[in-house]
ModelCIF file with pLDDT and N, C-alpha, C, O atoms, coordinates in Angstrom:
data_MODEL
#
_entry.id   MODEL 
#
_entity.id                         1 
_entity.type                       polymer 
_entity.pdbx_number_of_molecules   1 
#
_entity_poly.entity_id                      1 
_entity_poly.type                           'polypeptide(L)' 
_entity_poly.nstd_linkage                   no 
_entity_poly.nstd_monomer                   no 
_entity_poly.pdbx_seq_one_letter_code       
;(UNK)(UNK)(UNK)(UNK)(UNK)(UNK)(UNK)(UNK)(UNK)(UNK)(UNK)(UNK)(UNK)(UNK)(UNK)(UNK)
(UNK)(UNK)(UNK)(UNK)(UNK)(UNK)(UNK)(UNK)(UNK)(UNK)(UNK)(UNK)(UNK)(UNK)(UNK)(UNK)
(UNK)(UNK)(UNK)(UNK)(UNK)(UNK)(UNK)(UNK)(UNK)(UNK)(UNK)(UNK)(UNK)(UNK)
;
_entity_poly.pdbx_seq_one_letter_code_can   XXXXXXXXXXXXXXXXXXXXXXXXXXXXXXXXXXXXXXXXXXXXXX 
_entity_poly.pdbx_strand_id                 A 
#
loop_
_entity_poly_seq.entity_id 
_entity_poly_seq.num 
_entity_poly_seq.mon_id 
_entity_poly_seq.hetero 
1 1  UNK n 
1 2  UNK n 
1 3  UNK n 
1 4  UNK n 
1 5  UNK n 
1 6  UNK n 
1 7  UNK n 
1 8  UNK n 
1 9  UNK n 
1 10 UNK n 
1 11 UNK n 
1 12 UNK n 
1 13 UNK n 
1 14 UNK n 
1 15 UNK n 
1 16 UNK n 
1 17 UNK n 
1 18 UNK n 
1 19 UNK n 
1 20 UNK n 
1 21 UNK n 
1 22 UNK n 
1 23 UNK n 
1 24 UNK n 
1 25 UNK n 
1 26 UNK n 
1 27 UNK n 
1 28 UNK n 
1 29 UNK n 
1 30 UNK n 
1 31 UNK n 
1 32 UNK n 
1 33 UNK n 
1 34 UNK n 
1 35 UNK n 
1 36 UNK n 
1 37 UNK n 
1 38 UNK n 
1 39 UNK n 
1 40 UNK n 
1 41 UNK n 
1 42 UNK n 
1 43 UNK n 
1 44 UNK n 
1 45 UNK n 
1 46 UNK n 
#
_struct_asym.id          A 
_struct_asym.entity_id   1 
#
loop_
_ma_qa_metric.id 
_ma_qa_metric.mode 
_ma_qa_metric.name 
_ma_qa_metric.software_group_id 
_ma_qa_metric.type 
1 global pLDDT . pLDDT 
2 local  pLDDT . pLDDT 
#
_ma_qa_metric_global.metric_id      1 
_ma_qa_metric_global.metric_value   97.13 
_ma_qa_metric_global.model_id       1 
_ma_qa_metric_global.ordinal_id     1 
#
loop_
_ma_qa_metric_local.label_asym_id 
_ma_qa_metric_local.label_comp_id 
_ma_qa_metric_local.label_seq_id 
_ma_qa_metric_local.metric_id 
_ma_qa_metric_local.metric_value 
_ma_qa_metric_local.model_id 
_ma_qa_metric_local.ordinal_id 
A UNK 1  2 95.00 1 1  
A UNK 2  2 96.00 1 2  
A UNK 3  2 96.00 1 3  
A UNK 4  2 96.00 1 4  
A UNK 5  2 97.00 1 5  
A UNK 6  2 97.00 1 6  
A UNK 7  2 97.00 1 7  
A UNK 8  2 97.00 1 8  
A UNK 9  2 95.00 1 9  
A UNK 10 2 96.00 1 10 
A UNK 11 2 98.00 1 11 
A UNK 12 2 97.00 1 12 
A UNK 13 2 97.00 1 13 
A UNK 14 2 98.00 1 14 
A UNK 15 2 98.00 1 15 
A UNK 16 2 98.00 1 16 
A UNK 17 2 98.00 1 17 
A UNK 18 2 98.00 1 18 
A UNK 19 2 98.00 1 19 
A UNK 20 2 97.00 1 20 
A UNK 21 2 96.00 1 21 
A UNK 22 2 95.00 1 22 
A UNK 23 2 96.00 1 23 
A UNK 24 2 96.00 1 24 
A UNK 25 2 97.00 1 25 
A UNK 26 2 98.00 1 26 
A UNK 27 2 98.00 1 27 
A UNK 28 2 98.00 1 28 
A UNK 29 2 98.00 1 29 
A UNK 30 2 98.00 1 30 
A UNK 31 2 98.00 1 31 
A UNK 32 2 98.00 1 32 
A UNK 33 2 98.00 1 33 
A UNK 34 2 98.00 1 34 
A UNK 35 2 97.00 1 35 
A UNK 36 2 97.00 1 36 
A UNK 37 2 98.00 1 37 
A UNK 38 2 98.00 1 38 
A UNK 39 2 98.00 1 39 
A UNK 40 2 98.00 1 40 
A UNK 41 2 98.00 1 41 
A UNK 42 2 98.00 1 42 
A UNK 43 2 97.00 1 43 
A UNK 44 2 97.00 1 44 
A UNK 45 2 96.00 1 45 
A UNK 46 2 95.00 1 46 
#
loop_
_atom_site.group_PDB 
_atom_site.id 
_atom_site.type_symbol 
_atom_site.label_atom_id 
_atom_site.label_alt_id 
_atom_site.label_comp_id 
_atom_site.label_asym_id 
_atom_site.label_entity_id 
_atom_site.label_seq_id 
_atom_site.pdbx_PDB_ins_code 
_atom_site.Cartn_x 
_atom_site.Cartn_y 
_atom_site.Cartn_z 
_atom_site.occupancy 
_atom_site.B_iso_or_equiv 
_atom_site.pdbx_formal_charge 
_atom_site.auth_seq_id 
_atom_site.auth_comp_id 
_atom_site.auth_asym_id 
_atom_site.auth_atom_id 
_atom_site.pdbx_PDB_model_num 
ATOM 1   N N  . UNK A 1 1  ? -14.190 -0.851  3.550  1.00 95.00 ? 1  UNK A N  1 
ATOM 2   C CA . UNK A 1 1  ? -14.580 0.497   3.987  1.00 95.00 ? 1  UNK A CA 1 
ATOM 3   C C  . UNK A 1 1  ? -13.399 1.443   4.077  1.00 95.00 ? 1  UNK A C  1 
ATOM 4   O O  . UNK A 1 1  ? -13.562 2.664   4.072  1.00 95.00 ? 1  UNK A O  1 
ATOM 5   N N  . UNK A 1 2  ? -12.202 0.864   4.159  1.00 96.00 ? 2  UNK A N  1 
ATOM 6   C CA . UNK A 1 2  ? -11.009 1.673   4.344  1.00 96.00 ? 2  UNK A CA 1 
ATOM 7   C C  . UNK A 1 2  ? -10.653 1.909   5.798  1.00 96.00 ? 2  UNK A C  1 
ATOM 8   O O  . UNK A 1 2  ? -9.631  2.527   6.094  1.00 96.00 ? 2  UNK A O  1 
ATOM 9   N N  . UNK A 1 3  ? -11.487 1.422   6.712  1.00 96.00 ? 3  UNK A N  1 
ATOM 10  C CA . UNK A 1 3  ? -11.253 1.706   8.134  1.00 96.00 ? 3  UNK A CA 1 
ATOM 11  C C  . UNK A 1 3  ? -10.137 0.869   8.738  1.00 96.00 ? 3  UNK A C  1 
ATOM 12  O O  . UNK A 1 3  ? -9.530  1.270   9.731  1.00 96.00 ? 3  UNK A O  1 
ATOM 13  N N  . UNK A 1 4  ? -9.864  -0.281  8.155  1.00 96.00 ? 4  UNK A N  1 
ATOM 14  C CA . UNK A 1 4  ? -8.837  -1.171  8.705  1.00 96.00 ? 4  UNK A CA 1 
ATOM 15  C C  . UNK A 1 4  ? -7.732  -1.363  7.685  1.00 96.00 ? 4  UNK A C  1 
ATOM 16  O O  . UNK A 1 4  ? -7.989  -1.675  6.522  1.00 96.00 ? 4  UNK A O  1 
ATOM 17  N N  . UNK A 1 5  ? -6.503  -1.174  8.133  1.00 97.00 ? 5  UNK A N  1 
ATOM 18  C CA . UNK A 1 5  ? -5.341  -1.390  7.278  1.00 97.00 ? 5  UNK A CA 1 
ATOM 19  C C  . UNK A 1 5  ? -4.339  -2.265  8.012  1.00 97.00 ? 5  UNK A C  1 
ATOM 20  O O  . UNK A 1 5  ? -4.272  -2.251  9.241  1.00 97.00 ? 5  UNK A O  1 
ATOM 21  N N  . UNK A 1 6  ? -3.577  -3.012  7.266  1.00 97.00 ? 6  UNK A N  1 
ATOM 22  C CA . UNK A 1 6  ? -2.545  -3.870  7.809  1.00 97.00 ? 6  UNK A CA 1 
ATOM 23  C C  . UNK A 1 6  ? -1.277  -3.701  6.989  1.00 97.00 ? 6  UNK A C  1 
ATOM 24  O O  . UNK A 1 6  ? -1.323  -3.434  5.789  1.00 97.00 ? 6  UNK A O  1 
ATOM 25  N N  . UNK A 1 7  ? -0.143  -3.861  7.661  1.00 97.00 ? 7  UNK A N  1 
ATOM 26  C CA . UNK A 1 7  ? 1.151   -3.771  6.995  1.00 97.00 ? 7  UNK A CA 1 
ATOM 27  C C  . UNK A 1 7  ? 2.075   -4.830  7.563  1.00 97.00 ? 7  UNK A C  1 
ATOM 28  O O  . UNK A 1 7  ? 2.000   -5.162  8.746  1.00 97.00 ? 7  UNK A O  1 
ATOM 29  N N  . UNK A 1 8  ? 2.940   -5.355  6.723  1.00 97.00 ? 8  UNK A N  1 
ATOM 30  C CA . UNK A 1 8  ? 4.005   -6.196  7.232  1.00 97.00 ? 8  UNK A CA 1 
ATOM 31  C C  . UNK A 1 8  ? 5.095   -5.289  7.797  1.00 97.00 ? 8  UNK A C  1 
ATOM 32  O O  . UNK A 1 8  ? 5.190   -4.112  7.448  1.00 97.00 ? 8  UNK A O  1 
ATOM 33  N N  . UNK A 1 9  ? 5.905   -5.856  8.667  1.00 95.00 ? 9  UNK A N  1 
ATOM 34  C CA . UNK A 1 9  ? 6.888   -5.046  9.382  1.00 95.00 ? 9  UNK A CA 1 
ATOM 35  C C  . UNK A 1 9  ? 7.866   -4.346  8.446  1.00 95.00 ? 9  UNK A C  1 
ATOM 36  O O  . UNK A 1 9  ? 8.311   -3.233  8.728  1.00 95.00 ? 9  UNK A O  1 
ATOM 37  N N  . UNK A 1 10 ? 8.199   -4.990  7.339  1.00 96.00 ? 10 UNK A N  1 
ATOM 38  C CA . UNK A 1 10 ? 9.220   -4.428  6.449  1.00 96.00 ? 10 UNK A CA 1 
ATOM 39  C C  . UNK A 1 10 ? 8.793   -3.117  5.800  1.00 96.00 ? 10 UNK A C  1 
ATOM 40  O O  . UNK A 1 10 ? 9.644   -2.366  5.325  1.00 96.00 ? 10 UNK A O  1 
ATOM 41  N N  . UNK A 1 11 ? 7.498   -2.826  5.771  1.00 98.00 ? 11 UNK A N  1 
ATOM 42  C CA . UNK A 1 11 ? 7.036   -1.579  5.142  1.00 98.00 ? 11 UNK A CA 1 
ATOM 43  C C  . UNK A 1 11 ? 6.299   -0.677  6.128  1.00 98.00 ? 11 UNK A C  1 
ATOM 44  O O  . UNK A 1 11 ? 5.953   0.455   5.790  1.00 98.00 ? 11 UNK A O  1 
ATOM 45  N N  . UNK A 1 12 ? 6.059   -1.163  7.331  1.00 97.00 ? 12 UNK A N  1 
ATOM 46  C CA . UNK A 1 12 ? 5.308   -0.388  8.315  1.00 97.00 ? 12 UNK A CA 1 
ATOM 47  C C  . UNK A 1 12 ? 6.032   0.912   8.625  1.00 97.00 ? 12 UNK A C  1 
ATOM 48  O O  . UNK A 1 12 ? 7.242   0.921   8.853  1.00 97.00 ? 12 UNK A O  1 
ATOM 49  N N  . UNK A 1 13 ? 5.294   1.997   8.632  1.00 97.00 ? 13 UNK A N  1 
ATOM 50  C CA . UNK A 1 13 ? 5.876   3.300   8.889  1.00 97.00 ? 13 UNK A CA 1 
ATOM 51  C C  . UNK A 1 13 ? 6.416   3.990   7.657  1.00 97.00 ? 13 UNK A C  1 
ATOM 52  O O  . UNK A 1 13 ? 6.719   5.183   7.694  1.00 97.00 ? 13 UNK A O  1 
ATOM 53  N N  . UNK A 1 14 ? 6.542   3.255   6.563  1.00 98.00 ? 14 UNK A N  1 
ATOM 54  C CA . UNK A 1 14 ? 7.038   3.840   5.310  1.00 98.00 ? 14 UNK A CA 1 
ATOM 55  C C  . UNK A 1 14 ? 5.972   3.844   4.217  1.00 98.00 ? 14 UNK A C  1 
ATOM 56  O O  . UNK A 1 14 ? 5.925   4.764   3.400  1.00 98.00 ? 14 UNK A O  1 
ATOM 57  N N  . UNK A 1 15 ? 5.133   2.843   4.197  1.00 98.00 ? 15 UNK A N  1 
ATOM 58  C CA . UNK A 1 15 ? 4.098   2.704   3.170  1.00 98.00 ? 15 UNK A CA 1 
ATOM 59  C C  . UNK A 1 15 ? 2.731   2.990   3.791  1.00 98.00 ? 15 UNK A C  1 
ATOM 60  O O  . UNK A 1 15 ? 2.487   2.693   4.960  1.00 98.00 ? 15 UNK A O  1 
ATOM 61  N N  . UNK A 1 16 ? 1.848   3.571   2.981  1.00 98.00 ? 16 UNK A N  1 
ATOM 62  C CA . UNK A 1 16 ? 0.483   3.830   3.408  1.00 98.00 ? 16 UNK A CA 1 
ATOM 63  C C  . UNK A 1 16 ? -0.490  3.390   2.323  1.00 98.00 ? 16 UNK A C  1 
ATOM 64  O O  . UNK A 1 16 ? -0.414  3.842   1.181  1.00 98.00 ? 16 UNK A O  1 
ATOM 65  N N  . UNK A 1 17 ? -1.400  2.505   2.696  1.00 98.00 ? 17 UNK A N  1 
ATOM 66  C CA . UNK A 1 17 ? -2.440  2.058   1.764  1.00 98.00 ? 17 UNK A CA 1 
ATOM 67  C C  . UNK A 1 17 ? -3.693  2.893   2.000  1.00 98.00 ? 17 UNK A C  1 
ATOM 68  O O  . UNK A 1 17 ? -4.029  3.232   3.135  1.00 98.00 ? 17 UNK A O  1 
ATOM 69  N N  . UNK A 1 18 ? -4.367  3.213   0.920  1.00 98.00 ? 18 UNK A N  1 
ATOM 70  C CA . UNK A 1 18 ? -5.620  3.963   1.023  1.00 98.00 ? 18 UNK A CA 1 
ATOM 71  C C  . UNK A 1 18 ? -6.498  3.609   -0.165 1.00 98.00 ? 18 UNK A C  1 
ATOM 72  O O  . UNK A 1 18 ? -6.052  2.964   -1.114 1.00 98.00 ? 18 UNK A O  1 
ATOM 73  N N  . UNK A 1 19 ? -7.736  4.033   -0.101 1.00 98.00 ? 19 UNK A N  1 
ATOM 74  C CA . UNK A 1 19 ? -8.645  3.746   -1.204 1.00 98.00 ? 19 UNK A CA 1 
ATOM 75  C C  . UNK A 1 19 ? -9.636  4.882   -1.358 1.00 98.00 ? 19 UNK A C  1 
ATOM 76  O O  . UNK A 1 19 ? -9.991  5.570   -0.400 1.00 98.00 ? 19 UNK A O  1 
ATOM 77  N N  . UNK A 1 20 ? -10.068 5.053   -2.591 1.00 97.00 ? 20 UNK A N  1 
ATOM 78  C CA . UNK A 1 20 ? -11.122 6.006   -2.908 1.00 97.00 ? 20 UNK A CA 1 
ATOM 79  C C  . UNK A 1 20 ? -12.177 5.218   -3.677 1.00 97.00 ? 20 UNK A C  1 
ATOM 80  O O  . UNK A 1 20 ? -12.070 5.038   -4.890 1.00 97.00 ? 20 UNK A O  1 
ATOM 81  N N  . UNK A 1 21 ? -13.172 4.761   -2.975 1.00 96.00 ? 21 UNK A N  1 
ATOM 82  C CA . UNK A 1 21 ? -14.174 3.908   -3.620 1.00 96.00 ? 21 UNK A CA 1 
ATOM 83  C C  . UNK A 1 21 ? -14.977 4.665   -4.679 1.00 96.00 ? 21 UNK A C  1 
ATOM 84  O O  . UNK A 1 21 ? -15.478 4.065   -5.630 1.00 96.00 ? 21 UNK A O  1 
ATOM 85  N N  . UNK A 1 22 ? -15.095 5.965   -4.515 1.00 95.00 ? 22 UNK A N  1 
ATOM 86  C CA . UNK A 1 22 ? -15.793 6.761   -5.525 1.00 95.00 ? 22 UNK A CA 1 
ATOM 87  C C  . UNK A 1 22 ? -15.034 6.759   -6.844 1.00 95.00 ? 22 UNK A C  1 
ATOM 88  O O  . UNK A 1 22 ? -15.633 6.844   -7.916 1.00 95.00 ? 22 UNK A O  1 
ATOM 89  N N  . UNK A 1 23 ? -13.707 6.661   -6.759 1.00 96.00 ? 23 UNK A N  1 
ATOM 90  C CA . UNK A 1 23 ? -12.879 6.623   -7.956 1.00 96.00 ? 23 UNK A CA 1 
ATOM 91  C C  . UNK A 1 23 ? -12.519 5.199   -8.348 1.00 96.00 ? 23 UNK A C  1 
ATOM 92  O O  . UNK A 1 23 ? -11.829 4.973   -9.342 1.00 96.00 ? 23 UNK A O  1 
ATOM 93  N N  . UNK A 1 24 ? -12.998 4.231   -7.550 1.00 96.00 ? 24 UNK A N  1 
ATOM 94  C CA . UNK A 1 24 ? -12.722 2.813   -7.854 1.00 96.00 ? 24 UNK A CA 1 
ATOM 95  C C  . UNK A 1 24 ? -11.215 2.548   -7.933 1.00 96.00 ? 24 UNK A C  1 
ATOM 96  O O  . UNK A 1 24 ? -10.741 1.832   -8.815 1.00 96.00 ? 24 UNK A O  1 
ATOM 97  N N  . UNK A 1 25 ? -10.483 3.136   -6.997 1.00 97.00 ? 25 UNK A N  1 
ATOM 98  C CA . UNK A 1 25 ? -9.033  3.086   -7.041 1.00 97.00 ? 25 UNK A CA 1 
ATOM 99  C C  . UNK A 1 25 ? -8.467  2.879   -5.641 1.00 97.00 ? 25 UNK A C  1 
ATOM 100 O O  . UNK A 1 25 ? -8.992  3.395   -4.653 1.00 97.00 ? 25 UNK A O  1 
ATOM 101 N N  . UNK A 1 26 ? -7.393  2.118   -5.586 1.00 98.00 ? 26 UNK A N  1 
ATOM 102 C CA . UNK A 1 26 ? -6.648  1.900   -4.353 1.00 98.00 ? 26 UNK A CA 1 
ATOM 103 C C  . UNK A 1 26 ? -5.230  2.410   -4.577 1.00 98.00 ? 26 UNK A C  1 
ATOM 104 O O  . UNK A 1 26 ? -4.694  2.335   -5.682 1.00 98.00 ? 26 UNK A O  1 
ATOM 105 N N  . UNK A 1 27 ? -4.638  2.926   -3.516 1.00 98.00 ? 27 UNK A N  1 
ATOM 106 C CA . UNK A 1 27 ? -3.319  3.534   -3.628 1.00 98.00 ? 27 UNK A CA 1 
ATOM 107 C C  . UNK A 1 27 ? -2.339  2.887   -2.653 1.00 98.00 ? 27 UNK A C  1 
ATOM 108 O O  . UNK A 1 27 ? -2.729  2.293   -1.648 1.00 98.00 ? 27 UNK A O  1 
ATOM 109 N N  . UNK A 1 28 ? -1.068  3.019   -2.978 1.00 98.00 ? 28 UNK A N  1 
ATOM 110 C CA . UNK A 1 28 ? -0.004  2.652   -2.051 1.00 98.00 ? 28 UNK A CA 1 
ATOM 111 C C  . UNK A 1 28 ? 1.042   3.762   -2.119 1.00 98.00 ? 28 UNK A C  1 
ATOM 112 O O  . UNK A 1 28 ? 1.789   3.863   -3.093 1.00 98.00 ? 28 UNK A O  1 
ATOM 113 N N  . UNK A 1 29 ? 1.088   4.583   -1.088 1.00 98.00 ? 29 UNK A N  1 
ATOM 114 C CA . UNK A 1 29 ? 2.108   5.616   -0.986 1.00 98.00 ? 29 UNK A CA 1 
ATOM 115 C C  . UNK A 1 29 ? 3.338   4.995   -0.366 1.00 98.00 ? 29 UNK A C  1 
ATOM 116 O O  . UNK A 1 29 ? 3.278   4.441   0.731  1.00 98.00 ? 29 UNK A O  1 
ATOM 117 N N  . UNK A 1 30 ? 4.446   5.087   -1.062 1.00 98.00 ? 30 UNK A N  1 
ATOM 118 C CA . UNK A 1 30 ? 5.685   4.463   -0.612 1.00 98.00 ? 30 UNK A CA 1 
ATOM 119 C C  . UNK A 1 30 ? 6.730   5.548   -0.392 1.00 98.00 ? 30 UNK A C  1 
ATOM 120 O O  . UNK A 1 30 ? 7.143   6.225   -1.333 1.00 98.00 ? 30 UNK A O  1 
ATOM 121 N N  . UNK A 1 31 ? 7.143   5.703   0.833  1.00 98.00 ? 31 UNK A N  1 
ATOM 122 C CA . UNK A 1 31 ? 8.163   6.688   1.200  1.00 98.00 ? 31 UNK A CA 1 
ATOM 123 C C  . UNK A 1 31 ? 9.411   5.989   1.714  1.00 98.00 ? 31 UNK A C  1 
ATOM 124 O O  . UNK A 1 31 ? 9.382   4.802   2.040  1.00 98.00 ? 31 UNK A O  1 
ATOM 125 N N  . UNK A 1 32 ? 10.489  6.725   1.781  1.00 98.00 ? 32 UNK A N  1 
ATOM 126 C CA . UNK A 1 32 ? 11.751  6.188   2.306  1.00 98.00 ? 32 UNK A CA 1 
ATOM 127 C C  . UNK A 1 32 ? 12.099  4.855   1.649  1.00 98.00 ? 32 UNK A C  1 
ATOM 128 O O  . UNK A 1 32 ? 12.438  3.884   2.325  1.00 98.00 ? 32 UNK A O  1 
ATOM 129 N N  . UNK A 1 33 ? 12.011  4.826   0.353  1.00 98.00 ? 33 UNK A N  1 
ATOM 130 C CA . UNK A 1 33 ? 12.219  3.573   -0.370 1.00 98.00 ? 33 UNK A CA 1 
ATOM 131 C C  . UNK A 1 33 ? 13.650  3.087   -0.223 1.00 98.00 ? 33 UNK A C  1 
ATOM 132 O O  . UNK A 1 33 ? 14.593  3.874   -0.142 1.00 98.00 ? 33 UNK A O  1 
ATOM 133 N N  . UNK A 1 34 ? 13.782  1.782   -0.192 1.00 98.00 ? 34 UNK A N  1 
ATOM 134 C CA . UNK A 1 34 ? 15.069  1.112   -0.035 1.00 98.00 ? 34 UNK A CA 1 
ATOM 135 C C  . UNK A 1 34 ? 15.315  0.204   -1.241 1.00 98.00 ? 34 UNK A C  1 
ATOM 136 O O  . UNK A 1 34 ? 14.368  -0.197  -1.917 1.00 98.00 ? 34 UNK A O  1 
ATOM 137 N N  . UNK A 1 35 ? 16.567  -0.118  -1.509 1.00 97.00 ? 35 UNK A N  1 
ATOM 138 C CA . UNK A 1 35 ? 16.836  -1.042  -2.628 1.00 97.00 ? 35 UNK A CA 1 
ATOM 139 C C  . UNK A 1 35 ? 16.085  -2.368  -2.493 1.00 97.00 ? 35 UNK A C  1 
ATOM 140 O O  . UNK A 1 35 ? 15.705  -2.966  -3.500 1.00 97.00 ? 35 UNK A O  1 
ATOM 141 N N  . UNK A 1 36 ? 15.873  -2.826  -1.278 1.00 97.00 ? 36 UNK A N  1 
ATOM 142 C CA . UNK A 1 36 ? 15.158  -4.092  -1.087 1.00 97.00 ? 36 UNK A CA 1 
ATOM 143 C C  . UNK A 1 36 ? 13.661  -3.988  -1.372 1.00 97.00 ? 36 UNK A C  1 
ATOM 144 O O  . UNK A 1 36 ? 12.957  -4.997  -1.333 1.00 97.00 ? 36 UNK A O  1 
ATOM 145 N N  . UNK A 1 37 ? 13.171  -2.793  -1.654 1.00 98.00 ? 37 UNK A N  1 
ATOM 146 C CA . UNK A 1 37 ? 11.781  -2.633  -2.086 1.00 98.00 ? 37 UNK A CA 1 
ATOM 147 C C  . UNK A 1 37 ? 11.622  -2.871  -3.580 1.00 98.00 ? 37 UNK A C  1 
ATOM 148 O O  . UNK A 1 37 ? 10.503  -2.882  -4.092 1.00 98.00 ? 37 UNK A O  1 
ATOM 149 N N  . UNK A 1 38 ? 12.734  -3.062  -4.281 1.00 98.00 ? 38 UNK A N  1 
ATOM 150 C CA . UNK A 1 38 ? 12.679  -3.312  -5.713 1.00 98.00 ? 38 UNK A CA 1 
ATOM 151 C C  . UNK A 1 38 ? 11.912  -4.600  -5.998 1.00 98.00 ? 38 UNK A C  1 
ATOM 152 O O  . UNK A 1 38 ? 12.264  -5.668  -5.496 1.00 98.00 ? 38 UNK A O  1 
ATOM 153 N N  . UNK A 1 39 ? 10.865  -4.487  -6.807 1.00 98.00 ? 39 UNK A N  1 
ATOM 154 C CA . UNK A 1 39 ? 10.000  -5.627  -7.100 1.00 98.00 ? 39 UNK A CA 1 
ATOM 155 C C  . UNK A 1 39 ? 8.936   -5.193  -8.103 1.00 98.00 ? 39 UNK A C  1 
ATOM 156 O O  . UNK A 1 39 ? 8.787   -4.011  -8.412 1.00 98.00 ? 39 UNK A O  1 
ATOM 157 N N  . UNK A 1 40 ? 8.210   -6.179  -8.595 1.00 98.00 ? 40 UNK A N  1 
ATOM 158 C CA . UNK A 1 40 ? 6.968   -5.898  -9.312 1.00 98.00 ? 40 UNK A CA 1 
ATOM 159 C C  . UNK A 1 40 ? 5.846   -5.884  -8.276 1.00 98.00 ? 40 UNK A C  1 
ATOM 160 O O  . UNK A 1 40 ? 5.708   -6.811  -7.479 1.00 98.00 ? 40 UNK A O  1 
ATOM 161 N N  . UNK A 1 41 ? 5.061   -4.832  -8.301 1.00 98.00 ? 41 UNK A N  1 
ATOM 162 C CA . UNK A 1 41 ? 3.988   -4.653  -7.326 1.00 98.00 ? 41 UNK A CA 1 
ATOM 163 C C  . UNK A 1 41 ? 2.637   -4.945  -7.984 1.00 98.00 ? 41 UNK A C  1 
ATOM 164 O O  . UNK A 1 41 ? 2.343   -4.482  -9.086 1.00 98.00 ? 41 UNK A O  1 
ATOM 165 N N  . UNK A 1 42 ? 1.834   -5.724  -7.274 1.00 98.00 ? 42 UNK A N  1 
ATOM 166 C CA . UNK A 1 42 ? 0.540   -6.160  -7.775 1.00 98.00 ? 42 UNK A CA 1 
ATOM 167 C C  . UNK A 1 42 ? -0.555  -5.766  -6.789 1.00 98.00 ? 42 UNK A C  1 
ATOM 168 O O  . UNK A 1 42 ? -0.330  -5.727  -5.579 1.00 98.00 ? 42 UNK A O  1 
ATOM 169 N N  . UNK A 1 43 ? -1.732  -5.476  -7.313 1.00 97.00 ? 43 UNK A N  1 
ATOM 170 C CA . UNK A 1 43 ? -2.883  -5.305  -6.425 1.00 97.00 ? 43 UNK A CA 1 
ATOM 171 C C  . UNK A 1 43 ? -3.818  -6.499  -6.590 1.00 97.00 ? 43 UNK A C  1 
ATOM 172 O O  . UNK A 1 43 ? -3.888  -7.130  -7.645 1.00 97.00 ? 43 UNK A O  1 
ATOM 173 N N  . UNK A 1 44 ? -4.520  -6.776  -5.519 1.00 97.00 ? 44 UNK A N  1 
ATOM 174 C CA . UNK A 1 44 ? -5.457  -7.893  -5.474 1.00 97.00 ? 44 UNK A CA 1 
ATOM 175 C C  . UNK A 1 44 ? -6.774  -7.419  -4.898 1.00 97.00 ? 44 UNK A C  1 
ATOM 176 O O  . UNK A 1 44 ? -6.798  -6.751  -3.864 1.00 97.00 ? 44 UNK A O  1 
ATOM 177 N N  . UNK A 1 45 ? -7.854  -7.753  -5.547 1.00 96.00 ? 45 UNK A N  1 
ATOM 178 C CA . UNK A 1 45 ? -9.200  -7.544  -5.007 1.00 96.00 ? 45 UNK A CA 1 
ATOM 179 C C  . UNK A 1 45 ? -9.711  -8.895  -4.534 1.00 96.00 ? 45 UNK A C  1 
ATOM 180 O O  . UNK A 1 45 ? -9.742  -9.859  -5.299 1.00 96.00 ? 45 UNK A O  1 
ATOM 181 N N  . UNK A 1 46 ? -10.108 -8.960  -3.282 1.00 95.00 ? 46 UNK A N  1 
ATOM 182 C CA . UNK A 1 46 ? -10.543 -10.245 -2.769 1.00 95.00 ? 46 UNK A CA 1 
ATOM 183 C C  . UNK A 1 46 ? -11.357 -10.101 -1.507 1.00 95.00 ? 46 UNK A C  1 
ATOM 184 O O  . UNK A 1 46 ? -11.804 -11.100 -0.942 1.00 95.00 ? 46 UNK A O  1 
#
């Protein structure tokens, strides 16, 4: 539904997850990026 979100501590306060079910899309807004955020990012539907 989008009503509940969870974050690990390393991204809390910097990243925001959201979804638009009408567009069949999920987003991850990433702010204040750090070198340790360097990675391949994957989404999972489950």
